[in-house]
Amino acid sequence: MATMDVDNSPELRRLLEQEKEQLMAKQMVSKLTSVCWDKCITSTPGSKFSTGETTCLSNCARRFLDMSMILAKRFQLK
């Protein structure tokens, strides 16, 4: 019976949902980093990114996040 109470616990469900959201955010950051790094950093980086690399990384991240938001909205509508 105690297991049933835990399974139906709103607090536990909320905690699990928060953990799921944190995992999804970490996965998104990891994917964004991988994709944008491979696209924008074509040589061994020095102590600072070049202006071109900085611009490319910024634009890549922006496009990645915009597309993620578009996809999230589409999935919410279905």
Protein backbone atom coordinates (compact mmCIF):
# COMPACT_ATOMS: atom_id res chain seq x y z
CA MET A 1 0.00 0.00 0.00
CA ALA A 2 2.89 2.39 0.77
CA THR A 3 4.22 1.88 -2.74
CA MET A 4 0.90 2.98 -4.16
CA ASP A 5 1.01 6.18 -2.11
CA VAL A 6 4.51 6.96 -3.37
CA ASP A 7 3.50 6.26 -6.97
CA ASN A 8 0.57 8.67 -6.67
CA SER A 9 2.48 11.34 -4.77
CA PRO A 10 2.14 14.76 -6.46
CA GLU A 11 5.45 15.79 -4.90
CA LEU A 12 7.23 12.77 -6.39
CA ARG A 13 5.66 13.40 -9.80
CA ARG A 14 6.76 17.04 -9.64
CA LEU A 15 10.30 16.00 -8.70
CA LEU A 16 10.46 13.47 -11.52
CA GLU A 17 9.19 16.06 -14.00
CA GLN A 18 11.87 18.52 -12.85
CA GLU A 19 14.56 15.87 -13.26
CA LYS A 20 13.27 15.06 -16.73
CA GLU A 21 13.36 18.75 -17.72
CA GLN A 22 16.90 19.15 -16.37
CA LEU A 23 18.05 16.10 -18.34
CA MET A 24 16.45 17.45 -21.52
CA ALA A 25 18.15 20.83 -21.00
CA LYS A 26 21.53 19.17 -20.49
CA GLN A 27 21.04 17.06 -23.61
CA MET A 28 20.11 20.16 -25.61
CA VAL A 29 23.21 22.04 -24.44
CA SER A 30 25.38 19.04 -25.25
CA LYS A 31 23.90 18.72 -28.75
CA LEU A 32 24.13 22.47 -29.37
CA THR A 33 27.78 22.50 -28.27
CA SER A 34 28.66 19.55 -30.45
CA VAL A 35 26.88 20.81 -33.58
CA CYS A 36 28.06 24.41 -33.33
CA TRP A 37 31.63 23.49 -32.36
CA ASP A 38 31.98 21.16 -35.36
CA LYS A 39 30.50 23.78 -37.67
CA CYS A 40 32.35 26.87 -36.43
CA ILE A 41 35.71 25.79 -35.03
CA THR A 42 37.68 24.50 -38.01
CA SER A 43 41.18 24.66 -36.53
CA THR A 44 42.79 24.29 -33.13
CA PRO A 45 41.45 27.13 -31.00
CA GLY A 46 43.86 29.57 -29.40
CA SER A 47 43.36 31.34 -26.11
CA LYS A 48 40.39 33.25 -27.62
CA PHE A 49 37.95 32.63 -30.43
CA SER A 50 38.38 34.71 -33.56
CA THR A 51 35.70 37.23 -34.48
CA GLY A 52 34.45 34.87 -37.20
CA GLU A 53 34.29 31.94 -34.79
CA THR A 54 32.45 34.02 -32.20
CA THR A 55 29.91 35.21 -34.77
CA CYS A 56 29.45 31.70 -36.14
CA LEU A 57 28.95 30.20 -32.67
CA SER A 58 26.46 32.89 -31.73
CA ASN A 59 24.45 32.50 -34.95
CA CYS A 60 24.56 28.71 -34.75
CA ALA A 61 23.32 28.69 -31.15
CA ARG A 62 20.55 31.15 -32.00
CA ARG A 63 19.36 29.06 -34.96
CA PHE A 64 19.55 25.86 -32.91
CA LEU A 65 17.46 27.34 -30.10
CA ASP A 66 14.95 28.89 -32.52
CA MET A 67 14.48 25.53 -34.24
CA SER A 68 14.13 23.77 -30.89
CA MET A 69 11.38 26.20 -29.88
CA ILE A 70 9.56 25.72 -33.20
CA LEU A 71 9.68 21.94 -32.82
CA ALA A 72 8.55 22.10 -29.18
CA LYS A 73 5.55 24.24 -30.16
CA ARG A 74 4.62 21.84 -32.95
CA PHE A 75 4.74 18.85 -30.62
CA GLN A 76 2.59 20.69 -28.08
CA LEU A 77 -0.08 21.31 -30.72
CA LYS A 78 -0.37 17.60 -31.56
